[in-house]
PDB file of N, CA and C in Angstrom:
ATOM      1  N   MET A   1      -5.822  -5.672 -32.196  1.00  0.00           N
ATOM      2  CA  MET A   1      -6.610  -4.588 -31.650  1.00  0.00           C
ATOM      3  C   MET A   1      -6.302  -3.336 -32.461  1.00  0.00           C
ATOM      4  N   SER A   2      -7.301  -2.671 -32.880  1.00  0.00           N
ATOM      5  CA  SER A   2      -7.110  -1.475 -33.692  1.00  0.00           C
ATOM      6  C   SER A   2      -6.726  -0.295 -32.807  1.00  0.00           C
ATOM      7  N   ALA A   3      -6.179   0.732 -33.427  1.00  0.00           N
ATOM      8  CA  ALA A   3      -5.799   1.935 -32.687  1.00  0.00           C
ATOM      9  C   ALA A   3      -7.022   2.574 -32.039  1.00  0.00           C
ATOM     10  N   ALA A   4      -8.153   2.543 -32.739  1.00  0.00           N
ATOM     11  CA  ALA A   4      -9.385   3.127 -32.183  1.00  0.00           C
ATOM     12  C   ALA A   4      -9.816   2.375 -30.936  1.00  0.00           C
ATOM     13  N   THR A   5      -9.704   1.050 -30.969  1.00  0.00           N
ATOM     14  CA  THR A   5     -10.096   0.247 -29.814  1.00  0.00           C
ATOM     15  C   THR A   5      -9.179   0.543 -28.634  1.00  0.00           C
ATOM     16  N   ARG A   6      -7.874   0.628 -28.884  1.00  0.00           N
ATOM     17  CA  ARG A   6      -6.937   0.946 -27.804  1.00  0.00           C
ATOM     18  C   ARG A   6      -7.235   2.327 -27.235  1.00  0.00           C
ATOM     19  N   GLY A   7      -7.514   3.275 -28.089  1.00  0.00           N
ATOM     20  CA  GLY A   7      -7.812   4.636 -27.644  1.00  0.00           C
ATOM     21  C   GLY A   7      -9.080   4.698 -26.818  1.00  0.00           C
ATOM     22  N   ASP A   8     -10.065   3.872 -27.177  1.00  0.00           N
ATOM     23  CA  ASP A   8     -11.326   3.851 -26.434  1.00  0.00           C
ATOM     24  C   ASP A   8     -11.143   3.274 -25.035  1.00  0.00           C
ATOM     25  N   ALA A   9     -10.187   2.368 -24.869  1.00  0.00           N
ATOM     26  CA  ALA A   9      -9.984   1.716 -23.581  1.00  0.00           C
ATOM     27  C   ALA A   9      -9.291   2.643 -22.584  1.00  0.00           C
ATOM     28  N   MET A  10      -8.534   3.580 -23.032  1.00  0.00           N
ATOM     29  CA  MET A  10      -7.771   4.438 -22.133  1.00  0.00           C
ATOM     30  C   MET A  10      -8.648   5.219 -21.150  1.00  0.00           C
ATOM     31  N   PRO A  11      -9.761   5.804 -21.571  1.00  0.00           N
ATOM     32  CA  PRO A  11     -10.598   6.518 -20.597  1.00  0.00           C
ATOM     33  C   PRO A  11     -11.073   5.599 -19.464  1.00  0.00           C
ATOM     34  N   GLU A  12     -11.284   4.325 -19.757  1.00  0.00           N
ATOM     35  CA  GLU A  12     -11.703   3.385 -18.718  1.00  0.00           C
ATOM     36  C   GLU A  12     -10.606   3.239 -17.662  1.00  0.00           C
ATOM     37  N   PHE A  13      -9.349   3.129 -18.124  1.00  0.00           N
ATOM     38  CA  PHE A  13      -8.240   3.016 -17.182  1.00  0.00           C
ATOM     39  C   PHE A  13      -8.065   4.300 -16.395  1.00  0.00           C
ATOM     40  N   GLU A  14      -8.223   5.426 -17.070  1.00  0.00           N
ATOM     41  CA  GLU A  14      -8.120   6.705 -16.376  1.00  0.00           C
ATOM     42  C   GLU A  14      -9.215   6.836 -15.328  1.00  0.00           C
ATOM     43  N   GLN A  15     -10.431   6.402 -15.647  1.00  0.00           N
ATOM     44  CA  GLN A  15     -11.531   6.448 -14.683  1.00  0.00           C
ATOM     45  C   GLN A  15     -11.256   5.509 -13.517  1.00  0.00           C
ATOM     46  N   TYR A  16     -10.710   4.328 -13.801  1.00  0.00           N
ATOM     47  CA  TYR A  16     -10.359   3.391 -12.735  1.00  0.00           C
ATOM     48  C   TYR A  16      -9.347   4.021 -11.788  1.00  0.00           C
ATOM     49  N   ASP A  17      -8.308   4.661 -12.363  1.00  0.00           N
ATOM     50  CA  ASP A  17      -7.290   5.307 -11.536  1.00  0.00           C
ATOM     51  C   ASP A  17      -7.897   6.404 -10.664  1.00  0.00           C
ATOM     52  N   LYS A  18      -8.800   7.190 -11.229  1.00  0.00           N
ATOM     53  CA  LYS A  18      -9.453   8.253 -10.459  1.00  0.00           C
ATOM     54  C   LYS A  18     -10.307   7.658  -9.347  1.00  0.00           C
ATOM     55  N   ASP A  19     -11.069   6.605  -9.670  1.00  0.00           N
ATOM     56  CA  ASP A  19     -11.920   5.952  -8.668  1.00  0.00           C
ATOM     57  C   ASP A  19     -11.070   5.361  -7.549  1.00  0.00           C
ATOM     58  N   HIS A  20      -9.978   4.703  -7.929  1.00  0.00           N
ATOM     59  CA  HIS A  20      -9.090   4.092  -6.948  1.00  0.00           C
ATOM     60  C   HIS A  20      -8.508   5.155  -6.024  1.00  0.00           C
ATOM     61  N   ALA A  21      -8.033   6.248  -6.585  1.00  0.00           N
ATOM     62  CA  ALA A  21      -7.460   7.327  -5.778  1.00  0.00           C
ATOM     63  C   ALA A  21      -8.507   7.913  -4.827  1.00  0.00           C
ATOM     64  N   GLU A  22      -9.736   8.026  -5.308  1.00  0.00           N
ATOM     65  CA  GLU A  22     -10.813   8.563  -4.475  1.00  0.00           C
ATOM     66  C   GLU A  22     -11.129   7.624  -3.313  1.00  0.00           C
ATOM     67  N   ILE A  23     -11.178   6.341  -3.589  1.00  0.00           N
ATOM     68  CA  ILE A  23     -11.462   5.353  -2.536  1.00  0.00           C
ATOM     69  C   ILE A  23     -10.344   5.336  -1.505  1.00  0.00           C
ATOM     70  N   VAL A  24      -9.100   5.350  -1.977  1.00  0.00           N
ATOM     71  CA  VAL A  24      -7.964   5.347  -1.051  1.00  0.00           C
ATOM     72  C   VAL A  24      -7.986   6.604  -0.185  1.00  0.00           C
ATOM     73  N   ALA A  25      -8.244   7.752  -0.787  1.00  0.00           N
ATOM     74  CA  ALA A  25      -8.308   9.005  -0.017  1.00  0.00           C
ATOM     75  C   ALA A  25      -9.421   8.938   1.029  1.00  0.00           C
ATOM     76  N   MET A  26     -10.567   8.382   0.636  1.00  0.00           N
ATOM     77  CA  MET A  26     -11.676   8.254   1.577  1.00  0.00           C
ATOM     78  C   MET A  26     -11.289   7.331   2.727  1.00  0.00           C
ATOM     79  N   MET A  27     -10.680   6.182   2.401  1.00  0.00           N
ATOM     80  CA  MET A  27     -10.295   5.226   3.440  1.00  0.00           C
ATOM     81  C   MET A  27      -9.269   5.833   4.389  1.00  0.00           C
ATOM     82  N   LYS A  28      -8.317   6.566   3.831  1.00  0.00           N
ATOM     83  CA  LYS A  28      -7.277   7.164   4.670  1.00  0.00           C
ATOM     84  C   LYS A  28      -7.824   8.277   5.557  1.00  0.00           C
ATOM     85  N   SER A  29      -9.013   8.773   5.255  1.00  0.00           N
ATOM     86  CA  SER A  29      -9.608   9.805   6.100  1.00  0.00           C
ATOM     87  C   SER A  29     -10.139   9.216   7.408  1.00  0.00           C
ATOM     88  N   TYR A  30     -10.306   7.897   7.446  1.00  0.00           N
ATOM     89  CA  TYR A  30     -10.740   7.221   8.660  1.00  0.00           C
ATOM     90  C   TYR A  30      -9.540   6.892   9.530  1.00  0.00           C
ATOM     91  N   SER A  31      -9.786   6.650  10.796  1.00  0.00           N
ATOM     92  CA  SER A  31      -8.709   6.241  11.698  1.00  0.00           C
ATOM     93  C   SER A  31      -8.209   4.859  11.282  1.00  0.00           C
ATOM     94  N   ILE A  32      -7.001   4.536  11.715  1.00  0.00           N
ATOM     95  CA  ILE A  32      -6.426   3.206  11.415  1.00  0.00           C
ATOM     96  C   ILE A  32      -7.368   2.115  11.921  1.00  0.00           C
ATOM     97  N   GLU A  33      -7.903   2.297  13.117  1.00  0.00           N
ATOM     98  CA  GLU A  33      -8.790   1.285  13.698  1.00  0.00           C
ATOM     99  C   GLU A  33     -10.029   1.085  12.823  1.00  0.00           C
ATOM    100  N   ASN A  34     -10.622   2.177  12.350  1.00  0.00           N
ATOM    101  CA  ASN A  34     -11.808   2.056  11.501  1.00  0.00           C
ATOM    102  C   ASN A  34     -11.472   1.456  10.141  1.00  0.00           C
ATOM    103  N   GLN A  35     -10.317   1.799   9.592  1.00  0.00           N
ATOM    104  CA  GLN A  35      -9.906   1.187   8.333  1.00  0.00           C
ATOM    105  C   GLN A  35      -9.790  -0.326   8.497  1.00  0.00           C
ATOM    106  N   MET A  36      -9.204  -0.741   9.617  1.00  0.00           N
ATOM    107  CA  MET A  36      -9.046  -2.171   9.875  1.00  0.00           C
ATOM    108  C   MET A  36     -10.412  -2.852   9.992  1.00  0.00           C
ATOM    109  N   LEU A  37     -11.356  -2.195  10.675  1.00  0.00           N
ATOM    110  CA  LEU A  37     -12.699  -2.754  10.813  1.00  0.00           C
ATOM    111  C   LEU A  37     -13.400  -2.846   9.456  1.00  0.00           C
ATOM    112  N   ILE A  38     -13.336  -1.778   8.684  1.00  0.00           N
ATOM    113  CA  ILE A  38     -13.995  -1.759   7.374  1.00  0.00           C
ATOM    114  C   ILE A  38     -13.454  -2.859   6.482  1.00  0.00           C
ATOM    115  N   LEU A  39     -12.142  -3.073   6.522  1.00  0.00           N
ATOM    116  CA  LEU A  39     -11.499  -4.060   5.649  1.00  0.00           C
ATOM    117  C   LEU A  39     -11.433  -5.463   6.267  1.00  0.00           C
ATOM    118  N   CYS A  40     -11.982  -5.604   7.485  1.00  0.00           N
ATOM    119  CA  CYS A  40     -12.007  -6.901   8.181  1.00  0.00           C
ATOM    120  C   CYS A  40     -10.598  -7.470   8.367  1.00  0.00           C
ATOM    121  N   ILE A  41      -9.698  -6.624   8.820  1.00  0.00           N
ATOM    122  CA  ILE A  41      -8.319  -7.040   9.082  1.00  0.00           C
ATOM    123  C   ILE A  41      -8.106  -6.990  10.587  1.00  0.00           C
ATOM    124  N   ARG A  42      -7.565  -8.065  11.131  1.00  0.00           N
ATOM    125  CA  ARG A  42      -7.279  -8.107  12.561  1.00  0.00           C
ATOM    126  C   ARG A  42      -5.789  -7.842  12.777  1.00  0.00           C
ATOM    127  N   GLN A  43      -5.476  -6.962  13.700  1.00  0.00           N
ATOM    128  CA  GLN A  43      -4.084  -6.613  13.955  1.00  0.00           C
ATOM    129  C   GLN A  43      -3.272  -7.841  14.347  1.00  0.00           C
ATOM    130  N   GLU A  44      -3.877  -8.752  15.076  1.00  0.00           N
ATOM    131  CA  GLU A  44      -3.145  -9.940  15.515  1.00  0.00           C
ATOM    132  C   GLU A  44      -2.780 -10.880  14.354  1.00  0.00           C
ATOM    133  N   ASP A  45      -3.350 -10.654  13.178  1.00  0.00           N
ATOM    134  CA  ASP A  45      -3.017 -11.455  11.996  1.00  0.00           C
ATOM    135  C   ASP A  45      -1.858 -10.866  11.192  1.00  0.00           C
ATOM    136  N   LEU A  46      -1.358  -9.712  11.621  1.00  0.00           N
ATOM    137  CA  LEU A  46      -0.314  -9.025  10.864  1.00  0.00           C
ATOM    138  C   LEU A  46       1.058  -9.192  11.505  1.00  0.00           C
ATOM    139  N   LEU A  47       2.085  -9.215  10.673  1.00  0.00           N
ATOM    140  CA  LEU A  47       3.466  -9.284  11.150  1.00  0.00           C
ATOM    141  C   LEU A  47       4.107  -7.904  11.225  1.00  0.00           C
ATOM    142  N   VAL A  48       3.392  -6.893  10.766  1.00  0.00           N
ATOM    143  CA  VAL A  48       3.887  -5.514  10.761  1.00  0.00           C
ATOM    144  C   VAL A  48       2.808  -4.619  11.373  1.00  0.00           C
ATOM    145  N   PRO A  49       3.153  -3.395  11.723  1.00  0.00           N
ATOM    146  CA  PRO A  49       2.133  -2.478  12.240  1.00  0.00           C
ATOM    147  C   PRO A  49       1.036  -2.235  11.196  1.00  0.00           C
ATOM    148  N   PRO A  50      -0.180  -1.991  11.642  1.00  0.00           N
ATOM    149  CA  PRO A  50      -1.289  -1.777  10.708  1.00  0.00           C
ATOM    150  C   PRO A  50      -1.024  -0.673   9.684  1.00  0.00           C
ATOM    151  N   GLU A  51      -0.338   0.388  10.094  1.00  0.00           N
ATOM    152  CA  GLU A  51      -0.061   1.495   9.170  1.00  0.00           C
ATOM    153  C   GLU A  51       0.753   1.018   7.969  1.00  0.00           C
ATOM    154  N   VAL A  52       1.744   0.176   8.246  1.00  0.00           N
ATOM    155  CA  VAL A  52       2.603  -0.350   7.179  1.00  0.00           C
ATOM    156  C   VAL A  52       1.784  -1.235   6.250  1.00  0.00           C
ATOM    157  N   TYR A  53       0.985  -2.109   6.834  1.00  0.00           N
ATOM    158  CA  TYR A  53       0.168  -3.020   6.039  1.00  0.00           C
ATOM    159  C   TYR A  53      -0.813  -2.254   5.156  1.00  0.00           C
ATOM    160  N   LEU A  54      -1.503  -1.267   5.729  1.00  0.00           N
ATOM    161  CA  LEU A  54      -2.497  -0.511   4.969  1.00  0.00           C
ATOM    162  C   LEU A  54      -1.842   0.290   3.841  1.00  0.00           C
ATOM    163  N   ASP A  55      -0.680   0.886   4.095  1.00  0.00           N
ATOM    164  CA  ASP A  55       0.016   1.611   3.025  1.00  0.00           C
ATOM    165  C   ASP A  55       0.347   0.677   1.866  1.00  0.00           C
ATOM    166  N   ARG A  56       0.815  -0.521   2.193  1.00  0.00           N
ATOM    167  CA  ARG A  56       1.125  -1.506   1.140  1.00  0.00           C
ATOM    168  C   ARG A  56      -0.146  -1.953   0.431  1.00  0.00           C
ATOM    169  N   LEU A  57      -1.209  -2.169   1.192  1.00  0.00           N
ATOM    170  CA  LEU A  57      -2.479  -2.606   0.622  1.00  0.00           C
ATOM    171  C   LEU A  57      -2.986  -1.614  -0.414  1.00  0.00           C
ATOM    172  N   TYR A  58      -2.939  -0.333  -0.075  1.00  0.00           N
ATOM    173  CA  TYR A  58      -3.466   0.693  -0.969  1.00  0.00           C
ATOM    174  C   TYR A  58      -2.601   0.905  -2.208  1.00  0.00           C
ATOM    175  N   SER A  59      -1.378   0.380  -2.189  1.00  0.00           N
ATOM    176  CA  SER A  59      -0.493   0.595  -3.339  1.00  0.00           C
ATOM    177  C   SER A  59      -0.258  -0.670  -4.163  1.00  0.00           C
ATOM    178  N   VAL A  60      -1.013  -1.735  -3.909  1.00  0.00           N
ATOM    179  CA  VAL A  60      -0.863  -2.966  -4.686  1.00  0.00           C
ATOM    180  C   VAL A  60      -1.254  -2.714  -6.140  1.00  0.00           C
ATOM    181  N   GLU A  61      -0.327  -3.038  -7.049  1.00  0.00           N
ATOM    182  CA  GLU A  61      -0.602  -2.882  -8.470  1.00  0.00           C
ATOM    183  C   GLU A  61      -0.302  -4.139  -9.269  1.00  0.00           C
ATOM    184  N   THR A  62       0.539  -4.998  -8.732  1.00  0.00           N
ATOM    185  CA  THR A  62       0.932  -6.199  -9.475  1.00  0.00           C
ATOM    186  C   THR A  62       0.714  -7.432  -8.612  1.00  0.00           C
ATOM    187  N   ILE A  63       0.807  -8.580  -9.238  1.00  0.00           N
ATOM    188  CA  ILE A  63       0.699  -9.845  -8.497  1.00  0.00           C
ATOM    189  C   ILE A  63       1.838  -9.960  -7.492  1.00  0.00           C
ATOM    190  N   GLU A  64       3.017  -9.501  -7.880  1.00  0.00           N
ATOM    191  CA  GLU A  64       4.158  -9.531  -6.956  1.00  0.00           C
ATOM    192  C   GLU A  64       3.885  -8.658  -5.732  1.00  0.00           C
ATOM    193  N   ASP A  65       3.262  -7.496  -5.931  1.00  0.00           N
ATOM    194  CA  ASP A  65       2.877  -6.636  -4.806  1.00  0.00           C
ATOM    195  C   ASP A  65       1.924  -7.385  -3.879  1.00  0.00           C
ATOM    196  N   ALA A  66       0.983  -8.102  -4.460  1.00  0.00           N
ATOM    197  CA  ALA A  66       0.012  -8.864  -3.662  1.00  0.00           C
ATOM    198  C   ALA A  66       0.705  -9.978  -2.882  1.00  0.00           C
ATOM    199  N   ARG A  67       1.676 -10.621  -3.501  1.00  0.00           N
ATOM    200  CA  ARG A  67       2.431 -11.679  -2.794  1.00  0.00           C
ATOM    201  C   ARG A  67       3.212 -11.090  -1.623  1.00  0.00           C
ATOM    202  N   GLN A  68       3.823  -9.938  -1.845  1.00  0.00           N
ATOM    203  CA  GLN A  68       4.572  -9.288  -0.769  1.00  0.00           C
ATOM    204  C   GLN A  68       3.638  -8.865   0.356  1.00  0.00           C
ATOM    205  N   LEU A  69       2.452  -8.410   0.007  1.00  0.00           N
ATOM    206  CA  LEU A  69       1.464  -8.038   1.013  1.00  0.00           C
ATOM    207  C   LEU A  69       1.068  -9.258   1.838  1.00  0.00           C
ATOM    208  N   ARG A  70       0.842 -10.358   1.170  1.00  0.00           N
ATOM    209  CA  ARG A  70       0.462 -11.598   1.868  1.00  0.00           C
ATOM    210  C   ARG A  70       1.552 -12.044   2.838  1.00  0.00           C
ATOM    211  N   ALA A  71       2.812 -11.779   2.482  1.00  0.00           N
ATOM    212  CA  ALA A  71       3.927 -12.159   3.354  1.00  0.00           C
ATOM    213  C   ALA A  71       3.940 -11.352   4.656  1.00  0.00           C
ATOM    214  N   LEU A  72       3.181 -10.276   4.712  1.00  0.00           N
ATOM    215  CA  LEU A  72       3.104  -9.457   5.918  1.00  0.00           C
ATOM    216  C   LEU A  72       2.042  -9.966   6.877  1.00  0.00           C
ATOM    217  N   GLN A  73       1.374 -11.046   6.501  1.00  0.00           N
ATOM    218  CA  GLN A  73       0.333 -11.643   7.341  1.00  0.00           C
ATOM    219  C   GLN A  73       0.862 -12.926   7.969  1.00  0.00           C
ATOM    220  N   LYS A  74       0.399 -13.216   9.152  1.00  0.00           N
ATOM    221  CA  LYS A  74       0.759 -14.475   9.796  1.00  0.00           C
ATOM    222  C   LYS A  74       0.059 -15.613   9.063  1.00  0.00           C
ATOM    223  N   PRO A  75       0.708 -16.781   8.984  1.00  0.00           N
ATOM    224  CA  PRO A  75       0.042 -17.923   8.347  1.00  0.00           C
ATOM    225  C   PRO A  75      -1.200 -18.322   9.140  1.00  0.00           C
ATOM    226  N   HIS A  76      -2.248 -18.706   8.424  1.00  0.00           N
ATOM    227  CA  HIS A  76      -3.487 -19.126   9.078  1.00  0.00           C
ATOM    228  C   HIS A  76      -3.332 -20.517   9.642  1.00  0.00           C
ATOM    229  N   GLN A  77      -3.855 -20.700  10.852  1.00  0.00           N
ATOM    230  CA  GLN A  77      -3.862 -22.020  11.502  1.00  0.00           C
ATOM    231  C   GLN A  77      -5.090 -22.776  11.061  1.00  0.00           C
ATOM    232  N   ARG A  78      -4.938 -24.008  10.712  1.00  0.00           N
ATOM    233  CA  ARG A  78      -6.091 -24.825  10.305  1.00  0.00           C
ATOM    234  C   ARG A  78      -6.448 -25.813  11.367  1.00  0.00           C
TER     235      ARG A  78
END
């Protein structure tokens, strides 16, 4: 990858970060109950309070973060 190509990609990441921050700020402006409804999350499926789960959800950046988030959910019954 050339230096020019790497430099061109950076604005995309910066825009993604700005968009993500804007979405998170918008979501946090809603009540916990409405956030849960919008995201289709049921409190009875969580092992932690909704506030804890949502804070972790909004800060997921790596696969390990996603795995830790999943561990906060009750296993699904089949």
